[in-house]
Amino acid sequence: MQRITILGSTGSIGASTLDVVARHPDRYSIHALTADTSVDVLCRQCEQFKPQIAVVGSAQAAQNLSQQLRQKGLKTQVEFGPGALVAVSSDPDCDVVMAAIVGAAGLVPTMAAARAGKKVLLANKEALVMAGKLFMDAVQANGATLLPIDSEHNAIFQCLPKTYLRGQPGQGVAKILLTASGGPFLNRPVETLDVVTPAEAVAHPKWVMGRKISVDSATMMNKGLEVIEAHWLFGASADQIEVVIHPQSVIHSMVSYIDGSVLAQLGNPDMRTPIAHALAYPERIASGVAPLDLTSIGHLEFKKPNFSRFPCLKLAFDALRAGGSAPAILNAANEVAVQGFLDGHTGFRMIDQLIARVMDALPHIHVDSIESLLEQDFEARRIATGYMHS
């Protein structure tokens, strides 16, 4: 019986994880569930899965959740704050940590899980985007197991020699091919993107995701962050990673080998597939995802991304090549810009411009600690917020 902590249980990844767990009560139990402010949803999850601990973002949310749990006769212990997230991520009573908190807020608890030698199911991009070397070093130094949950990286993992996950180059690999749907604006005239609304940007044609990630998909920053992740997960240079637009989202990614072979992982666009794969690895278990019917799909398309349509993708490649704190600065500026767009403070095409200005304004430095990374993150957010309101 594997005991699981889910960081971000009320989000789409967390909900999909609980769906898979519920299908296998003989294999998995829930140790801890965490959320920021979605107390009512978290309470319902606690009622169904009866975790030992629940963590929320504030004292007020903790009081609210405690009252609801007591009314239902549940004994789940309620904690709050960043320290509590670290505690449940490194708790000796936990075997597996699903790292699904969106944004830089997920970095510290995910790092804590790696340092505690847990089996880490990584859905939080920022752990690798911000702190790739530090995080991979922590995984290896503490005997943690790292399994990628992003559908693209999970697909690559399934197509690569297994030792490649720890960044060992060679073994006949020529290139990693990251597929991208292209988001909701793949075929929309570029000159009309200035008037894109938040509602249009979050309407992804294939995936059901949170608002922030949906905007990242529309700008293709999501794919840019995945490029940086792939570099750290698989030891591939920027020149060994290629993004391929594939609107059907059936091929989740591919690996090209020096002998001319290309291995691909296919499936319906449902995050329960990579979640089930990682939970049971190296075994296979039922995920609840419908079998793929290739005859109903009919055809598969592939296109090269256009950097004039998707400048955020180029910014991510630039940050990867720059190294040091550049990816952390990129990520922080993007989070501020996307939130500003969702809040109506800036336009859609201003997102990449704001990020570029912050990247130019803040020197890229060598980072050797989480503290120095967080300082760079703070400074990038300060500059980005100043630009947005100037």
Protein backbone atom coordinates (compact mmCIF):
# COMPACT_ATOMS: atom_id res chain seq x y z
CA MET A 1 0.00 0.00 0.00
CA GLN A 2 1.56 3.28 -1.14
CA ARG A 3 0.68 6.37 0.92
CA ILE A 4 0.31 9.48 -1.21
CA THR A 5 0.54 13.22 -0.53
CA ILE A 6 -1.06 15.38 -3.23
CA LEU A 7 0.21 18.95 -3.38
CA GLY A 8 -2.59 20.84 -5.12
CA SER A 9 -5.35 18.25 -4.81
CA THR A 10 -8.21 20.54 -5.91
CA GLY A 11 -6.65 21.40 -9.28
CA SER A 12 -7.07 19.38 -12.45
CA ILE A 13 -4.00 17.19 -11.87
CA GLY A 14 -4.95 16.60 -8.25
CA ALA A 15 -8.50 15.64 -9.17
CA SER A 16 -7.27 13.28 -11.90
CA THR A 17 -4.84 11.68 -9.44
CA LEU A 18 -7.64 11.05 -6.96
CA ASP A 19 -9.73 9.53 -9.75
CA VAL A 20 -6.96 7.02 -10.50
CA VAL A 21 -6.36 6.33 -6.81
CA ALA A 22 -10.07 5.64 -6.27
CA ARG A 23 -9.89 2.89 -8.91
CA HIS A 24 -7.19 1.05 -6.94
CA PRO A 25 -8.02 1.13 -3.22
CA ASP A 26 -5.95 -2.02 -2.71
CA ARG A 27 -2.77 -0.26 -3.89
CA TYR A 28 -3.01 3.36 -2.72
CA SER A 29 -4.16 5.43 0.25
CA ILE A 30 -4.09 9.20 0.74
CA HIS A 31 -1.80 10.54 3.46
CA ALA A 32 -2.29 14.27 2.85
CA LEU A 33 -4.23 16.62 0.59
CA THR A 34 -3.39 20.29 0.09
CA ALA A 35 -5.09 23.30 -1.45
CA ASP A 36 -4.79 27.05 -1.20
CA THR A 37 -8.30 28.48 -0.86
CA SER A 38 -10.68 25.83 -2.30
CA VAL A 39 -11.91 24.73 1.11
CA ASP A 40 -15.26 23.29 0.03
CA VAL A 41 -13.71 21.07 -2.64
CA LEU A 42 -10.96 19.97 -0.28
CA CYS A 43 -13.55 19.10 2.36
CA ARG A 44 -15.38 16.84 -0.09
CA GLN A 45 -12.09 15.17 -1.00
CA CYS A 46 -11.32 14.61 2.68
CA GLU A 47 -14.76 13.07 3.16
CA GLN A 48 -14.13 10.58 0.34
CA PHE A 49 -10.44 9.74 0.89
CA LYS A 50 -10.01 10.40 4.63
CA PRO A 51 -6.43 11.70 4.61
CA GLN A 52 -4.46 11.97 7.81
CA ILE A 53 -3.62 15.63 7.12
CA ALA A 54 -5.09 18.49 5.07
CA VAL A 55 -3.15 21.69 4.38
CA VAL A 56 -4.55 25.04 3.24
CA GLY A 57 -3.04 28.43 2.54
CA SER A 58 -4.20 30.56 5.48
CA ALA A 59 -5.36 30.45 9.09
CA GLN A 60 -8.84 31.55 8.03
CA ALA A 61 -9.09 28.74 5.48
CA ALA A 62 -7.84 26.27 8.09
CA GLN A 63 -10.51 27.37 10.56
CA ASN A 64 -13.19 27.07 7.89
CA LEU A 65 -12.03 23.59 6.84
CA SER A 66 -11.74 22.39 10.46
CA GLN A 67 -15.34 23.42 11.14
CA GLN A 68 -16.63 21.62 8.06
CA LEU A 69 -14.64 18.46 8.85
CA ARG A 70 -15.86 18.39 12.48
CA GLN A 71 -19.47 18.72 11.30
CA LYS A 72 -18.91 15.60 9.19
CA GLY A 73 -17.26 13.72 12.03
CA LEU A 74 -13.90 13.52 10.26
CA LYS A 75 -10.62 13.37 12.18
CA THR A 76 -8.33 14.80 9.48
CA GLN A 77 -5.69 17.07 11.00
CA VAL A 78 -5.73 20.57 9.47
CA GLU A 79 -2.59 22.68 8.99
CA PHE A 80 -1.83 25.80 6.98
CA GLY A 81 1.01 27.73 5.39
CA PRO A 82 4.23 27.00 3.49
CA GLY A 83 5.82 25.21 6.43
CA ALA A 84 2.96 22.72 6.53
CA LEU A 85 3.42 22.00 2.82
CA VAL A 86 7.07 21.16 3.44
CA ALA A 87 6.12 18.98 6.40
CA VAL A 88 3.61 16.81 4.51
CA SER A 89 5.99 16.54 1.54
CA SER A 90 8.78 15.12 3.70
CA ASP A 91 6.66 13.23 6.26
CA PRO A 92 8.04 9.73 6.99
CA ASP A 93 4.47 8.40 6.78
CA CYS A 94 4.30 9.40 3.10
CA ASP A 95 5.76 7.31 0.26
CA VAL A 96 4.71 9.25 -2.86
CA VAL A 97 4.35 13.01 -3.47
CA MET A 98 2.29 14.27 -6.39
CA ALA A 99 3.74 17.75 -6.97
CA ALA A 100 0.87 19.58 -8.70
CA ILE A 101 0.96 23.09 -7.22
CA VAL A 102 1.08 25.56 -10.11
CA GLY A 103 3.78 28.22 -10.11
CA ALA A 104 6.80 29.06 -7.98
CA ALA A 105 4.81 28.28 -4.81
CA GLY A 106 5.33 24.59 -5.53
CA LEU A 107 9.13 24.77 -5.66
CA VAL A 108 10.02 24.54 -1.95
CA PRO A 109 7.69 21.65 -0.97
CA THR A 110 8.66 19.72 -4.09
CA MET A 111 12.33 20.18 -3.24
CA ALA A 112 11.56 18.99 0.30
CA ALA A 113 10.08 15.79 -1.13
CA ALA A 114 13.21 15.19 -3.20
CA ARG A 115 15.48 15.81 -0.22
CA ALA A 116 13.41 13.34 1.81
CA GLY A 117 14.01 10.64 -0.82
CA LYS A 118 10.36 10.33 -1.84
CA LYS A 119 8.92 8.99 -5.06
CA VAL A 120 8.16 12.36 -6.67
CA LEU A 121 5.54 12.57 -9.41
CA LEU A 122 6.44 15.89 -10.99
CA ALA A 123 3.60 17.96 -12.44
CA ASN A 124 5.02 21.25 -11.14
CA LYS A 125 7.12 22.75 -13.95
CA GLU A 126 8.77 25.38 -11.81
CA ALA A 127 10.86 22.93 -9.76
CA LEU A 128 12.93 22.24 -12.87
CA VAL A 129 12.47 25.56 -14.68
CA MET A 130 13.67 27.59 -11.70
CA ALA A 131 16.01 25.15 -9.99
CA GLY A 132 16.88 22.44 -12.50
CA LYS A 133 20.40 21.58 -11.35
CA LEU A 134 19.63 22.03 -7.66
CA PHE A 135 16.55 19.83 -7.96
CA MET A 136 18.23 17.06 -9.97
CA ASP A 137 21.17 17.08 -7.55
CA ALA A 138 18.74 16.69 -4.63
CA VAL A 139 17.00 13.77 -6.34
CA GLN A 140 20.27 11.92 -6.93
CA ALA A 141 21.89 12.76 -3.58
CA ASN A 142 18.92 11.54 -1.55
CA GLY A 143 17.88 8.49 -3.57
CA ALA A 144 14.55 9.98 -4.61
CA THR A 145 12.64 8.59 -7.58
CA LEU A 146 11.57 11.21 -10.11
CA LEU A 147 8.79 10.47 -12.59
CA PRO A 148 7.42 13.14 -14.95
CA ILE A 149 3.67 13.76 -15.12
CA ASP A 150 3.43 16.30 -17.93
CA SER A 151 2.00 14.27 -20.79
CA GLU A 152 4.92 15.27 -23.02
CA HIS A 153 7.70 14.37 -20.59
CA ASN A 154 5.95 11.19 -19.53
CA ALA A 155 5.74 10.25 -23.21
CA ILE A 156 9.44 10.95 -23.71
CA PHE A 157 10.25 8.90 -20.61
CA GLN A 158 8.33 5.97 -22.07
CA CYS A 159 10.24 6.27 -25.37
CA LEU A 160 13.77 6.69 -23.94
CA PRO A 161 16.23 4.20 -22.46
CA LYS A 162 15.33 4.24 -18.77
CA THR A 163 18.68 5.51 -17.47
CA TYR A 164 18.20 8.64 -19.58
CA LEU A 165 15.85 10.19 -16.99
CA ARG A 166 18.83 11.10 -14.80
CA GLY A 167 20.38 13.12 -17.58
CA GLN A 168 22.81 10.56 -19.00
CA PRO A 169 23.47 11.54 -22.62
CA GLY A 170 24.15 9.22 -25.53
CA GLN A 171 22.54 5.80 -26.00
CA GLY A 172 21.76 6.58 -29.62
CA VAL A 173 19.38 9.48 -29.00
CA ALA A 174 19.52 12.19 -31.66
CA LYS A 175 16.71 14.53 -30.68
CA ILE A 176 13.70 14.95 -28.41
CA LEU A 177 10.54 16.02 -30.21
CA LEU A 178 8.09 17.85 -27.92
CA THR A 179 4.62 18.03 -29.40
CA ALA A 180 2.32 21.01 -28.84
CA SER A 181 -1.33 21.46 -29.70
CA GLY A 182 -0.78 25.08 -30.71
CA GLY A 183 -3.51 26.21 -28.35
CA PRO A 184 -6.66 28.15 -29.25
CA PHE A 185 -4.95 30.71 -31.52
CA LEU A 186 -2.97 28.45 -33.84
CA ASN A 187 -4.87 29.58 -36.92
CA ARG A 188 -6.16 32.96 -35.76
CA PRO A 189 -4.74 35.97 -37.68
CA VAL A 190 -1.76 37.32 -35.74
CA GLU A 191 -2.94 40.91 -36.15
CA THR A 192 -6.11 40.12 -34.17
CA LEU A 193 -4.30 38.76 -31.10
CA ASP A 194 -4.14 42.23 -29.56
CA VAL A 195 -7.85 42.00 -28.74
CA VAL A 196 -7.86 38.46 -27.30
CA THR A 197 -9.92 38.18 -24.11
CA PRO A 198 -9.10 36.01 -21.09
CA ALA A 199 -12.17 33.86 -21.84
CA GLU A 200 -10.84 33.15 -25.33
CA ALA A 201 -7.33 32.43 -24.08
CA VAL A 202 -8.42 29.83 -21.51
CA ALA A 203 -10.65 27.94 -23.97
CA HIS A 204 -8.14 25.22 -24.87
CA PRO A 205 -9.26 23.04 -27.80
CA LYS A 206 -8.00 19.74 -26.36
CA TRP A 207 -7.11 19.89 -22.66
CA VAL A 208 -9.04 20.94 -19.56
CA MET A 209 -6.58 22.90 -17.42
CA GLY A 210 -6.38 25.75 -14.95
CA ARG A 211 -6.56 29.35 -16.15
CA LYS A 212 -2.86 30.13 -15.80
CA ILE A 213 -1.69 27.02 -17.65
CA SER A 214 -4.33 27.58 -20.31
CA VAL A 215 -2.98 31.07 -21.02
CA ASP A 216 0.54 29.62 -21.11
CA SER A 217 -0.68 27.17 -23.73
CA ALA A 218 -2.18 30.00 -25.78
CA THR A 219 1.17 31.87 -25.77
CA MET A 220 3.13 28.58 -25.98
CA MET A 221 5.11 29.61 -22.90
CA ASN A 222 3.84 26.31 -21.52
CA LYS A 223 5.83 24.53 -24.21
CA GLY A 224 8.81 26.77 -23.58
CA LEU A 225 8.83 25.80 -19.92
CA GLU A 226 8.59 22.16 -21.00
CA VAL A 227 11.68 22.65 -23.19
CA ILE A 228 13.61 23.75 -20.10
CA GLU A 229 12.19 20.81 -18.13
CA ALA A 230 13.23 18.38 -20.85
CA HIS A 231 16.78 19.72 -20.72
CA TRP A 232 17.08 18.85 -17.03
CA LEU A 233 15.12 15.61 -17.06
CA PHE A 234 16.80 14.05 -20.05
CA GLY A 235 20.19 15.74 -20.35
CA ALA A 236 19.37 17.22 -23.75
CA SER A 237 20.81 20.51 -24.98
CA ALA A 238 18.63 23.26 -26.46
CA ASP A 239 19.76 22.14 -29.93
CA GLN A 240 18.62 18.57 -29.20
CA ILE A 241 15.05 19.64 -28.36
CA GLU A 242 12.57 20.44 -31.11
CA VAL A 243 8.98 21.61 -30.72
CA VAL A 244 6.47 20.21 -33.20
CA ILE A 245 2.91 21.52 -33.41
CA HIS A 246 0.46 18.63 -33.51
CA PRO A 247 -3.12 19.94 -33.22
CA GLN A 248 -4.77 16.55 -32.63
CA SER A 249 -2.81 15.99 -29.37
CA VAL A 250 -2.72 12.25 -30.00
CA ILE A 251 1.06 11.86 -30.16
CA HIS A 252 2.22 13.24 -26.83
CA SER A 253 5.91 13.41 -27.78
CA MET A 254 8.59 11.51 -29.67
CA VAL A 255 12.25 10.55 -29.51
CA SER A 256 14.41 10.46 -32.63
CA TYR A 257 17.37 8.03 -32.66
CA ILE A 258 20.58 8.16 -34.70
CA ASP A 259 19.59 5.05 -36.66
CA GLY A 260 16.58 6.87 -38.13
CA SER A 261 14.00 5.40 -35.76
CA VAL A 262 11.41 7.66 -34.15
CA LEU A 263 9.52 6.31 -31.14
CA ALA A 264 6.24 7.95 -30.19
CA GLN A 265 3.76 7.58 -27.34
CA LEU A 266 0.10 7.95 -28.34
CA GLY A 267 -3.11 8.21 -26.37
CA ASN A 268 -6.27 10.18 -25.83
CA PRO A 269 -5.61 13.63 -24.27
CA ASP A 270 -6.33 12.69 -20.66
CA MET A 271 -3.89 13.30 -17.80
CA ARG A 272 -4.97 10.11 -16.05
CA THR A 273 -2.78 8.15 -18.47
CA PRO A 274 0.58 9.63 -17.37
CA ILE A 275 -0.61 9.74 -13.75
CA ALA A 276 -1.46 6.04 -13.75
CA HIS A 277 1.81 5.25 -15.53
CA ALA A 278 3.87 7.08 -12.92
CA LEU A 279 1.91 5.81 -9.92
CA ALA A 280 2.38 2.17 -10.87
CA TYR A 281 5.73 2.34 -12.69
CA PRO A 282 7.18 -0.02 -13.82
CA GLU A 283 3.82 -1.80 -13.84
CA ARG A 284 0.71 -0.76 -15.79
CA ILE A 285 -2.70 -0.19 -14.19
CA ALA A 286 -6.11 0.90 -15.44
CA SER A 287 -6.48 4.68 -15.61
CA GLY A 288 -10.11 5.04 -16.68
CA VAL A 289 -9.04 6.54 -20.02
CA ALA A 290 -10.87 5.29 -23.11
CA PRO A 291 -8.77 3.28 -25.60
CA LEU A 292 -7.41 5.26 -28.55
CA ASP A 293 -9.31 4.66 -31.78
CA LEU A 294 -6.97 5.68 -34.57
CA THR A 295 -9.56 5.02 -37.28
CA SER A 296 -11.85 7.67 -35.80
CA ILE A 297 -9.04 10.24 -35.82
CA GLY A 298 -8.38 9.79 -39.52
CA HIS A 299 -5.27 11.95 -39.88
CA LEU A 300 -2.46 13.52 -37.88
CA GLU A 301 -0.93 16.94 -38.65
CA PHE A 302 2.50 18.36 -37.83
CA LYS A 303 3.75 21.94 -38.21
CA LYS A 304 6.76 24.00 -37.22
CA PRO A 305 6.04 26.72 -34.64
CA ASN A 306 6.21 30.31 -35.84
CA PHE A 307 8.14 32.51 -33.38
CA SER A 308 6.37 35.65 -34.61
CA ARG A 309 3.07 34.06 -33.53
CA PHE A 310 4.57 32.49 -30.40
CA PRO A 311 7.42 34.77 -29.20
CA CYS A 312 7.20 33.29 -25.70
CA LEU A 313 8.57 30.02 -27.05
CA LYS A 314 11.68 31.79 -28.36
CA LEU A 315 12.11 33.58 -25.03
CA ALA A 316 12.18 30.20 -23.28
CA PHE A 317 14.83 28.81 -25.63
CA ASP A 318 16.85 32.00 -25.07
CA ALA A 319 16.58 31.57 -21.28
CA LEU A 320 17.70 27.93 -21.48
CA ARG A 321 20.74 28.89 -23.53
CA ALA A 322 21.56 31.79 -21.16
CA GLY A 323 21.44 29.51 -18.12
CA GLY A 324 21.95 30.61 -14.53
CA SER A 325 19.01 32.54 -13.14
CA ALA A 326 17.54 33.31 -16.59
CA PRO A 327 14.88 30.55 -16.50
CA ALA A 328 13.77 31.65 -13.02
CA ILE A 329 13.49 35.26 -14.21
CA LEU A 330 11.53 34.10 -17.28
CA ASN A 331 9.12 32.12 -15.13
CA ALA A 332 8.55 34.90 -12.58
CA ALA A 333 7.94 37.55 -15.24
CA ASN A 334 5.55 35.23 -17.04
CA GLU A 335 3.51 34.54 -13.91
CA VAL A 336 3.12 38.27 -13.28
CA ALA A 337 2.27 39.01 -16.92
CA VAL A 338 -0.29 36.20 -17.19
CA GLN A 339 -2.00 37.20 -13.97
CA GLY A 340 -2.07 40.79 -15.19
CA PHE A 341 -3.74 39.65 -18.39
CA LEU A 342 -6.30 37.53 -16.53
CA ASP A 343 -7.04 40.49 -14.23
CA GLY A 344 -7.50 42.85 -17.17
CA HIS A 345 -4.42 44.97 -16.49
CA THR A 346 -2.60 44.16 -19.71
CA GLY A 347 -3.27 42.80 -23.18
CA PHE A 348 -2.52 39.34 -24.52
CA ARG A 349 0.29 40.48 -26.81
CA MET A 350 1.84 42.44 -23.97
CA ILE A 351 2.68 39.22 -22.12
CA ASP A 352 5.77 38.39 -24.20
CA GLN A 353 6.83 42.05 -24.33
CA LEU A 354 6.72 42.36 -20.56
CA ILE A 355 8.75 39.17 -20.13
CA ALA A 356 11.38 40.34 -22.63
CA ARG A 357 11.76 43.69 -20.82
CA VAL A 358 12.30 41.95 -17.48
CA MET A 359 14.79 39.51 -19.02
CA ASP A 360 16.77 42.48 -20.37
CA ALA A 361 16.54 44.49 -17.16
CA LEU A 362 17.69 41.87 -14.64
CA PRO A 363 21.22 40.42 -14.96
CA HIS A 364 21.42 36.64 -15.18
CA ILE A 365 23.55 35.31 -12.34
CA HIS A 366 24.90 31.94 -11.24
CA VAL A 367 22.68 30.41 -8.55
CA ASP A 368 23.80 27.87 -5.98
CA SER A 369 20.91 27.84 -3.50
CA ILE A 370 17.13 27.97 -3.33
CA GLU A 371 17.46 31.23 -1.38
CA SER A 372 19.34 32.98 -4.19
CA LEU A 373 16.80 31.68 -6.71
CA LEU A 374 13.93 33.03 -4.65
CA GLU A 375 15.69 36.41 -4.44
CA GLN A 376 15.89 36.49 -8.24
CA ASP A 377 12.24 35.41 -8.44
CA PHE A 378 11.21 38.23 -6.08
CA GLU A 379 13.21 40.85 -7.96
CA ALA A 380 11.83 39.74 -11.35
CA ARG A 381 8.28 39.96 -10.01
CA ARG A 382 8.95 43.43 -8.61
CA ILE A 383 10.30 44.69 -11.92
CA ALA A 384 7.52 43.04 -13.92
CA THR A 385 4.82 44.53 -11.69
CA GLY A 386 6.41 47.96 -12.01
CA TYR A 387 6.49 47.73 -15.80
CA MET A 388 2.89 46.53 -15.96
CA HIS A 389 1.57 49.46 -13.95
CA SER A 390 3.83 52.14 -15.42
